[in-house]
């Protein structure tokens, strides 16, 4: 892969990585974002990848200027945050206390590793069953082929 001399001085010699500062500093100083290309099945040149990344940084719908990171990363973060909100009630419910009667008698009432594993599996099943009860078979049929606003 041919890379220009500035990239060869700042980035790793054998990796396909680059720094990009697409945004201007609105307040204070700015730091460039370090991008690493893991796999390039399109065989793009370094200039093409950098220019495409720079151009994409202007496509974030919530900003009128370039953003510091590729908008896909921002959208993925928003989707994960939205999913976390939906799943919060299921995943953060109070788990039952294991070994509540521990200490009464010799070895009686103590939770073993098998008991803990069984309880974890039972908790997973309770979360799954609660989600099925609330959501049924997923989203409504009218929403299945539509865009979800983030």
N, C-alpha and C. Protein backbone atom coordinates (compact mmCIF):
# COMPACT_ATOMS: atom_id res chain seq x y z
N UNK A 1 0.83 -1.17 0.00
CA UNK A 1 0.00 0.00 0.00
C UNK A 1 0.88 1.24 0.00
N UNK A 2 0.63 2.08 -0.92
CA UNK A 2 1.41 3.31 -0.99
C UNK A 2 0.80 4.34 -0.06
N UNK A 3 1.64 4.93 0.78
CA UNK A 3 1.17 5.96 1.71
C UNK A 3 2.09 7.15 1.60
N UNK A 4 1.55 8.33 1.86
CA UNK A 4 2.40 9.51 1.73
C UNK A 4 3.40 9.59 2.89
N UNK A 5 4.37 10.46 2.76
CA UNK A 5 5.47 10.49 3.73
C UNK A 5 5.03 10.95 5.11
N UNK A 6 4.04 11.83 5.21
CA UNK A 6 3.59 12.28 6.53
C UNK A 6 3.01 11.11 7.32
N UNK A 7 2.26 10.25 6.69
CA UNK A 7 1.71 9.09 7.37
C UNK A 7 2.81 8.12 7.79
N UNK A 8 3.82 7.98 6.98
CA UNK A 8 4.90 7.05 7.31
C UNK A 8 5.71 7.52 8.52
N UNK A 9 5.73 8.80 8.77
CA UNK A 9 6.49 9.33 9.89
C UNK A 9 5.72 9.22 11.21
N UNK A 10 4.41 9.27 11.16
CA UNK A 10 3.61 9.36 12.37
C UNK A 10 2.97 8.03 12.76
N UNK A 11 2.66 7.21 11.80
CA UNK A 11 1.93 5.97 12.08
C UNK A 11 2.86 4.77 12.01
N UNK A 12 2.31 3.60 12.27
CA UNK A 12 3.10 2.37 12.25
C UNK A 12 3.55 2.04 10.83
N UNK A 13 4.69 1.41 10.71
CA UNK A 13 5.27 1.12 9.40
C UNK A 13 4.50 0.05 8.63
N UNK A 14 4.03 -0.96 9.34
CA UNK A 14 3.46 -2.11 8.66
C UNK A 14 1.93 -2.17 8.75
N UNK A 15 1.33 -1.30 9.53
CA UNK A 15 -0.13 -1.30 9.67
C UNK A 15 -0.73 -0.29 8.69
N UNK A 16 -1.99 -0.50 8.39
CA UNK A 16 -2.72 0.45 7.56
C UNK A 16 -3.51 1.34 8.52
N UNK A 17 -2.89 2.40 8.99
CA UNK A 17 -3.54 3.30 9.93
C UNK A 17 -3.22 4.74 9.55
N UNK A 18 -4.04 5.65 10.04
CA UNK A 18 -3.83 7.06 9.76
C UNK A 18 -4.53 7.90 10.82
N UNK A 19 -4.12 9.15 10.90
CA UNK A 19 -4.76 10.13 11.78
C UNK A 19 -5.55 11.09 10.91
N UNK A 20 -6.73 11.49 11.39
CA UNK A 20 -7.56 12.42 10.63
C UNK A 20 -8.20 13.41 11.59
N UNK A 21 -8.09 14.67 11.25
CA UNK A 21 -8.78 15.71 12.01
C UNK A 21 -9.71 16.42 11.04
N UNK A 22 -10.95 15.97 10.98
CA UNK A 22 -11.90 16.53 10.03
C UNK A 22 -12.64 17.72 10.61
N UNK A 23 -12.66 17.84 11.90
CA UNK A 23 -13.44 18.89 12.56
C UNK A 23 -12.54 20.03 13.02
N UNK A 24 -13.15 21.19 13.14
CA UNK A 24 -12.40 22.34 13.66
C UNK A 24 -12.66 22.47 15.15
N UNK A 25 -11.74 23.08 15.82
CA UNK A 25 -11.90 23.26 17.26
C UNK A 25 -12.84 24.42 17.55
N UNK A 26 -14.01 24.11 18.05
CA UNK A 26 -14.96 25.17 18.37
C UNK A 26 -14.60 25.86 19.68
N UNK A 27 -13.95 25.11 20.57
CA UNK A 27 -13.52 25.68 21.85
C UNK A 27 -12.32 24.86 22.32
N UNK A 28 -11.24 25.50 22.64
CA UNK A 28 -10.06 24.78 23.11
C UNK A 28 -9.30 24.16 21.95
N UNK A 29 -8.63 23.06 22.24
CA UNK A 29 -7.83 22.39 21.21
C UNK A 29 -8.53 21.11 20.75
N UNK A 30 -8.12 20.61 19.61
CA UNK A 30 -8.69 19.37 19.07
C UNK A 30 -7.58 18.33 18.92
N UNK A 31 -7.99 17.08 18.98
CA UNK A 31 -7.05 15.98 18.77
C UNK A 31 -7.51 15.19 17.55
N UNK A 32 -6.59 14.80 16.70
CA UNK A 32 -6.99 13.98 15.56
C UNK A 32 -7.40 12.58 16.01
N UNK A 33 -8.25 11.96 15.22
CA UNK A 33 -8.71 10.61 15.50
C UNK A 33 -7.79 9.61 14.80
N UNK A 34 -7.42 8.56 15.50
CA UNK A 34 -6.56 7.53 14.94
C UNK A 34 -7.42 6.41 14.38
N UNK A 35 -7.33 6.18 13.08
CA UNK A 35 -8.08 5.13 12.41
C UNK A 35 -7.14 3.99 12.04
N UNK A 36 -7.60 2.77 12.21
CA UNK A 36 -6.83 1.58 11.81
C UNK A 36 -7.71 0.76 10.89
N UNK A 37 -7.23 0.48 9.70
CA UNK A 37 -7.97 -0.34 8.75
C UNK A 37 -7.63 -1.80 9.05
N UNK A 38 -8.64 -2.55 9.47
CA UNK A 38 -8.43 -3.95 9.82
C UNK A 38 -8.40 -4.82 8.57
N UNK A 39 -9.37 -4.61 7.70
CA UNK A 39 -9.48 -5.44 6.50
C UNK A 39 -10.01 -4.59 5.37
N UNK A 40 -9.36 -4.59 4.24
CA UNK A 40 -9.76 -3.79 3.09
C UNK A 40 -10.03 -4.72 1.92
N UNK A 41 -11.27 -5.15 1.79
CA UNK A 41 -11.60 -6.07 0.70
C UNK A 41 -11.77 -5.35 -0.62
N UNK A 42 -11.82 -4.03 -0.61
CA UNK A 42 -11.98 -3.26 -1.85
C UNK A 42 -10.64 -2.83 -2.44
N UNK A 43 -9.56 -3.10 -1.74
CA UNK A 43 -8.21 -2.71 -2.20
C UNK A 43 -8.12 -1.22 -2.51
N UNK A 44 -8.63 -0.41 -1.61
CA UNK A 44 -8.56 1.03 -1.79
C UNK A 44 -7.17 1.53 -1.41
N UNK A 45 -6.76 2.61 -2.04
CA UNK A 45 -5.48 3.21 -1.66
C UNK A 45 -5.66 3.94 -0.34
N UNK A 46 -4.54 4.29 0.27
CA UNK A 46 -4.60 5.02 1.53
C UNK A 46 -5.30 6.37 1.33
N UNK A 47 -5.03 7.03 0.22
CA UNK A 47 -5.67 8.32 -0.05
C UNK A 47 -7.18 8.18 -0.20
N UNK A 48 -7.62 7.11 -0.85
CA UNK A 48 -9.06 6.89 -1.03
C UNK A 48 -9.75 6.62 0.31
N UNK A 49 -9.13 5.83 1.15
CA UNK A 49 -9.72 5.55 2.46
C UNK A 49 -9.77 6.82 3.30
N UNK A 50 -8.69 7.59 3.28
CA UNK A 50 -8.65 8.82 4.07
C UNK A 50 -9.65 9.84 3.56
N UNK A 51 -9.75 10.00 2.24
CA UNK A 51 -10.69 10.97 1.68
C UNK A 51 -12.13 10.52 1.94
N UNK A 52 -12.41 9.22 1.82
CA UNK A 52 -13.75 8.71 2.11
C UNK A 52 -14.13 8.91 3.57
N UNK A 53 -13.18 8.68 4.47
CA UNK A 53 -13.43 8.88 5.90
C UNK A 53 -13.67 10.35 6.19
N UNK A 54 -12.87 11.22 5.57
CA UNK A 54 -13.04 12.65 5.77
C UNK A 54 -14.41 13.10 5.24
N UNK A 55 -14.79 12.65 4.07
CA UNK A 55 -16.08 13.02 3.50
C UNK A 55 -17.23 12.52 4.36
N UNK A 56 -17.11 11.30 4.86
CA UNK A 56 -18.17 10.73 5.69
C UNK A 56 -18.34 11.49 7.00
N UNK A 57 -17.29 12.15 7.48
CA UNK A 57 -17.39 12.87 8.75
C UNK A 57 -18.34 14.07 8.66
N UNK A 58 -18.74 14.46 7.45
CA UNK A 58 -19.69 15.55 7.26
C UNK A 58 -21.14 15.04 7.19
N UNK A 59 -21.36 13.74 7.31
CA UNK A 59 -22.68 13.16 7.08
C UNK A 59 -23.47 12.88 8.36
N UNK A 60 -23.00 13.34 9.50
CA UNK A 60 -23.71 13.10 10.75
C UNK A 60 -24.94 14.02 10.80
N UNK A 61 -26.11 13.43 10.96
CA UNK A 61 -27.36 14.18 10.86
C UNK A 61 -27.57 15.15 12.01
N UNK A 62 -26.92 14.95 13.14
CA UNK A 62 -27.13 15.82 14.30
C UNK A 62 -26.16 16.98 14.37
N UNK A 63 -25.34 17.16 13.35
CA UNK A 63 -24.38 18.25 13.36
C UNK A 63 -24.37 18.94 12.00
N UNK A 64 -24.07 20.23 12.00
CA UNK A 64 -24.01 20.98 10.74
C UNK A 64 -22.59 21.10 10.22
N UNK A 65 -21.62 20.60 11.00
CA UNK A 65 -20.21 20.64 10.60
C UNK A 65 -19.64 19.23 10.69
N UNK A 66 -18.40 19.10 10.33
CA UNK A 66 -17.74 17.80 10.43
C UNK A 66 -17.61 17.39 11.89
N UNK A 67 -17.68 16.09 12.13
CA UNK A 67 -17.51 15.56 13.48
C UNK A 67 -16.18 14.83 13.56
N UNK A 68 -15.73 14.57 14.78
CA UNK A 68 -14.39 14.02 14.97
C UNK A 68 -14.28 12.55 14.62
N UNK A 69 -15.36 11.83 14.62
CA UNK A 69 -15.35 10.39 14.38
C UNK A 69 -16.34 10.07 13.27
N UNK A 70 -16.11 9.00 12.54
CA UNK A 70 -17.02 8.61 11.47
C UNK A 70 -18.43 8.46 12.05
N UNK A 71 -19.43 9.06 11.42
CA UNK A 71 -20.79 9.02 11.96
C UNK A 71 -21.33 7.62 12.25
N UNK A 72 -20.88 6.61 11.53
CA UNK A 72 -21.35 5.25 11.82
C UNK A 72 -21.05 4.85 13.26
N UNK A 73 -19.92 5.30 13.78
CA UNK A 73 -19.58 5.00 15.17
C UNK A 73 -20.52 5.71 16.12
N UNK A 74 -20.88 6.95 15.81
CA UNK A 74 -21.85 7.67 16.64
C UNK A 74 -23.21 6.99 16.60
N UNK A 75 -23.64 6.57 15.40
CA UNK A 75 -24.94 5.91 15.29
C UNK A 75 -24.95 4.57 16.01
N UNK A 76 -23.86 3.83 15.95
CA UNK A 76 -23.77 2.56 16.68
C UNK A 76 -23.86 2.80 18.18
N UNK A 77 -23.22 3.85 18.65
CA UNK A 77 -23.29 4.19 20.07
C UNK A 77 -24.71 4.56 20.48
N UNK A 78 -25.40 5.33 19.63
CA UNK A 78 -26.79 5.68 19.92
C UNK A 78 -27.70 4.46 19.93
N UNK A 79 -27.49 3.54 18.99
CA UNK A 79 -28.30 2.32 18.94
C UNK A 79 -28.08 1.47 20.19
N UNK A 80 -26.84 1.36 20.62
CA UNK A 80 -26.55 0.58 21.83
C UNK A 80 -27.16 1.24 23.06
N UNK A 81 -27.12 2.56 23.12
CA UNK A 81 -27.72 3.26 24.26
C UNK A 81 -29.23 3.07 24.27
N UNK A 82 -29.85 3.12 23.09
CA UNK A 82 -31.30 2.89 23.00
C UNK A 82 -31.64 1.46 23.43
N UNK A 83 -30.86 0.50 22.99
CA UNK A 83 -31.09 -0.90 23.38
C UNK A 83 -30.90 -1.06 24.89
N UNK A 84 -29.91 -0.38 25.44
CA UNK A 84 -29.68 -0.46 26.88
C UNK A 84 -30.89 0.06 27.65
N UNK A 85 -31.53 1.11 27.13
CA UNK A 85 -32.74 1.65 27.78
C UNK A 85 -33.87 0.63 27.74
N UNK A 86 -34.03 -0.06 26.61
CA UNK A 86 -35.10 -1.05 26.48
C UNK A 86 -34.85 -2.25 27.39
N UNK A 87 -33.60 -2.64 27.54
CA UNK A 87 -33.28 -3.84 28.30
C UNK A 87 -33.01 -3.59 29.77
N UNK A 88 -32.94 -2.34 30.19
CA UNK A 88 -32.56 -2.01 31.55
C UNK A 88 -33.46 -2.68 32.59
N UNK A 89 -34.75 -2.63 32.38
CA UNK A 89 -35.67 -3.22 33.35
C UNK A 89 -35.52 -4.72 33.49
N UNK A 90 -35.13 -5.37 32.40
CA UNK A 90 -34.96 -6.82 32.43
C UNK A 90 -33.63 -7.22 33.06
N UNK A 91 -32.58 -6.49 32.71
CA UNK A 91 -31.25 -6.90 33.12
C UNK A 91 -30.84 -6.38 34.50
N UNK A 92 -31.49 -5.37 34.99
CA UNK A 92 -31.11 -4.81 36.29
C UNK A 92 -32.12 -5.09 37.39
N UNK A 93 -32.87 -6.17 37.24
CA UNK A 93 -33.78 -6.54 38.31
C UNK A 93 -32.97 -7.18 39.43
N UNK A 94 -33.50 -7.18 40.62
CA UNK A 94 -32.79 -7.71 41.78
C UNK A 94 -32.63 -9.22 41.69
N UNK A 95 -31.40 -9.72 41.67
CA UNK A 95 -31.20 -11.17 41.64
C UNK A 95 -31.44 -11.77 43.03
N UNK A 96 -31.93 -13.00 43.08
CA UNK A 96 -32.11 -13.63 44.39
C UNK A 96 -30.76 -13.89 45.04
N UNK A 97 -30.71 -13.83 46.35
CA UNK A 97 -29.48 -14.02 47.10
C UNK A 97 -29.21 -15.52 47.23
N UNK A 98 -28.00 -15.92 46.86
CA UNK A 98 -27.62 -17.33 46.98
C UNK A 98 -27.11 -17.61 48.38
N UNK A 99 -27.40 -18.76 48.87
CA UNK A 99 -26.85 -19.19 50.16
C UNK A 99 -27.34 -18.34 51.32
N UNK A 100 -28.59 -17.98 51.31
CA UNK A 100 -29.12 -17.12 52.37
C UNK A 100 -29.07 -17.80 53.72
N UNK A 101 -29.11 -19.13 53.73
CA UNK A 101 -29.09 -19.84 55.00
C UNK A 101 -27.69 -20.36 55.34
N UNK A 102 -26.68 -19.80 54.66
CA UNK A 102 -25.31 -20.26 54.90
C UNK A 102 -24.90 -19.99 56.34
N UNK A 103 -24.16 -20.91 56.90
CA UNK A 103 -23.66 -20.75 58.25
C UNK A 103 -24.50 -21.49 59.28
N UNK A 104 -25.62 -22.05 58.90
CA UNK A 104 -26.46 -22.81 59.83
C UNK A 104 -26.12 -24.28 59.66
N UNK A 105 -25.34 -24.80 60.53
CA UNK A 105 -24.96 -26.20 60.43
C UNK A 105 -23.72 -26.35 59.59
N UNK A 106 -23.12 -27.47 59.67
CA UNK A 106 -21.87 -27.70 58.97
C UNK A 106 -22.14 -28.04 57.50
N UNK A 107 -21.82 -27.12 56.60
CA UNK A 107 -21.96 -27.37 55.18
C UNK A 107 -23.37 -27.27 54.66
N UNK A 108 -24.34 -27.03 55.50
CA UNK A 108 -25.73 -26.96 55.04
C UNK A 108 -26.03 -25.53 54.60
N UNK A 109 -26.74 -25.44 53.48
CA UNK A 109 -27.19 -24.15 53.00
C UNK A 109 -26.15 -23.35 52.24
N UNK A 110 -24.95 -23.88 52.09
CA UNK A 110 -23.92 -23.15 51.36
C UNK A 110 -24.12 -23.37 49.86
N UNK A 111 -23.99 -22.29 49.11
CA UNK A 111 -24.15 -22.38 47.67
C UNK A 111 -22.89 -22.96 47.05
N UNK A 112 -23.05 -23.92 46.18
CA UNK A 112 -21.92 -24.50 45.47
C UNK A 112 -21.81 -23.84 44.10
N UNK A 113 -20.73 -24.16 43.40
CA UNK A 113 -20.54 -23.60 42.06
C UNK A 113 -21.65 -24.07 41.14
N UNK A 114 -22.10 -25.31 41.30
CA UNK A 114 -23.19 -25.83 40.47
C UNK A 114 -24.48 -25.07 40.76
N UNK A 115 -24.74 -24.81 42.05
CA UNK A 115 -25.93 -24.04 42.41
C UNK A 115 -25.87 -22.64 41.79
N UNK A 116 -24.72 -22.02 41.83
CA UNK A 116 -24.56 -20.68 41.26
C UNK A 116 -24.79 -20.70 39.76
N UNK A 117 -24.25 -21.70 39.08
CA UNK A 117 -24.44 -21.81 37.63
C UNK A 117 -25.91 -22.05 37.31
N UNK A 118 -26.57 -22.92 38.09
CA UNK A 118 -27.99 -23.17 37.88
C UNK A 118 -28.82 -21.90 38.09
N UNK A 119 -28.45 -21.13 39.10
CA UNK A 119 -29.18 -19.89 39.38
C UNK A 119 -28.97 -18.86 38.27
N UNK A 120 -27.74 -18.80 37.72
CA UNK A 120 -27.49 -17.88 36.61
C UNK A 120 -28.34 -18.27 35.40
N UNK A 121 -28.40 -19.55 35.11
CA UNK A 121 -29.22 -20.02 33.99
C UNK A 121 -30.70 -19.73 34.22
N UNK A 122 -31.16 -19.93 35.45
CA UNK A 122 -32.56 -19.65 35.79
C UNK A 122 -32.83 -18.14 35.64
N UNK A 123 -31.87 -17.31 36.04
CA UNK A 123 -32.04 -15.86 35.91
C UNK A 123 -32.11 -15.46 34.44
N UNK A 124 -31.26 -16.06 33.60
CA UNK A 124 -31.31 -15.78 32.16
C UNK A 124 -32.66 -16.15 31.58
N UNK A 125 -33.19 -17.29 32.01
CA UNK A 125 -34.49 -17.75 31.51
C UNK A 125 -35.60 -16.80 31.98
N UNK A 126 -35.52 -16.31 33.21
CA UNK A 126 -36.53 -15.37 33.70
C UNK A 126 -36.50 -14.08 32.88
N UNK A 127 -35.31 -13.59 32.56
CA UNK A 127 -35.18 -12.37 31.75
C UNK A 127 -35.75 -12.61 30.37
N UNK A 128 -35.42 -13.76 29.77
CA UNK A 128 -35.93 -14.09 28.43
C UNK A 128 -37.45 -14.20 28.44
N UNK A 129 -38.00 -14.90 29.42
CA UNK A 129 -39.45 -15.06 29.51
C UNK A 129 -40.15 -13.72 29.71
N UNK A 130 -39.57 -12.84 30.53
CA UNK A 130 -40.15 -11.52 30.75
C UNK A 130 -40.13 -10.70 29.46
N UNK A 131 -39.05 -10.79 28.69
CA UNK A 131 -38.96 -10.06 27.42
C UNK A 131 -39.99 -10.58 26.43
N UNK A 132 -40.15 -11.89 26.36
CA UNK A 132 -41.16 -12.48 25.45
C UNK A 132 -42.55 -12.02 25.87
N UNK A 133 -42.81 -11.97 27.15
CA UNK A 133 -44.12 -11.54 27.64
C UNK A 133 -44.41 -10.09 27.25
N UNK A 134 -43.40 -9.23 27.33
CA UNK A 134 -43.59 -7.81 27.01
C UNK A 134 -43.61 -7.58 25.51
N UNK A 135 -42.65 -8.17 24.79
CA UNK A 135 -42.49 -7.87 23.37
C UNK A 135 -43.11 -8.89 22.45
N UNK A 136 -43.45 -10.05 22.93
CA UNK A 136 -44.03 -11.07 22.06
C UNK A 136 -43.06 -11.50 20.99
N UNK A 137 -43.46 -11.37 19.74
CA UNK A 137 -42.63 -11.80 18.62
C UNK A 137 -41.85 -10.64 18.00
N UNK A 138 -41.47 -9.68 18.80
CA UNK A 138 -40.69 -8.55 18.29
C UNK A 138 -41.58 -7.35 18.05
N UNK A 139 -41.17 -6.50 17.13
CA UNK A 139 -41.91 -5.29 16.85
C UNK A 139 -43.18 -5.59 16.08
N UNK A 140 -44.07 -4.64 16.05
CA UNK A 140 -45.33 -4.78 15.33
C UNK A 140 -45.04 -4.97 13.84
N UNK A 141 -45.92 -5.70 13.17
CA UNK A 141 -45.71 -6.02 11.74
C UNK A 141 -45.58 -4.75 10.89
N UNK A 142 -46.26 -3.67 11.25
CA UNK A 142 -46.19 -2.43 10.48
C UNK A 142 -44.83 -1.74 10.62
N UNK A 143 -44.06 -2.11 11.65
CA UNK A 143 -42.76 -1.47 11.87
C UNK A 143 -41.58 -2.28 11.33
N UNK A 144 -41.81 -3.52 10.96
CA UNK A 144 -40.70 -4.41 10.59
C UNK A 144 -39.90 -3.92 9.39
N UNK A 145 -40.51 -3.26 8.44
CA UNK A 145 -39.81 -2.83 7.24
C UNK A 145 -39.60 -1.32 7.22
N UNK A 146 -39.56 -0.68 8.37
CA UNK A 146 -39.37 0.77 8.40
C UNK A 146 -38.08 1.12 9.12
N UNK A 147 -37.64 2.34 8.93
CA UNK A 147 -36.41 2.81 9.57
C UNK A 147 -36.71 3.19 11.00
N UNK A 148 -35.80 2.87 11.87
CA UNK A 148 -35.94 3.19 13.28
C UNK A 148 -35.16 4.44 13.57
N UNK A 149 -35.83 5.49 14.03
CA UNK A 149 -35.13 6.75 14.30
C UNK A 149 -34.32 6.64 15.60
N UNK A 150 -33.08 7.07 15.52
CA UNK A 150 -32.22 7.03 16.70
C UNK A 150 -32.07 8.43 17.25
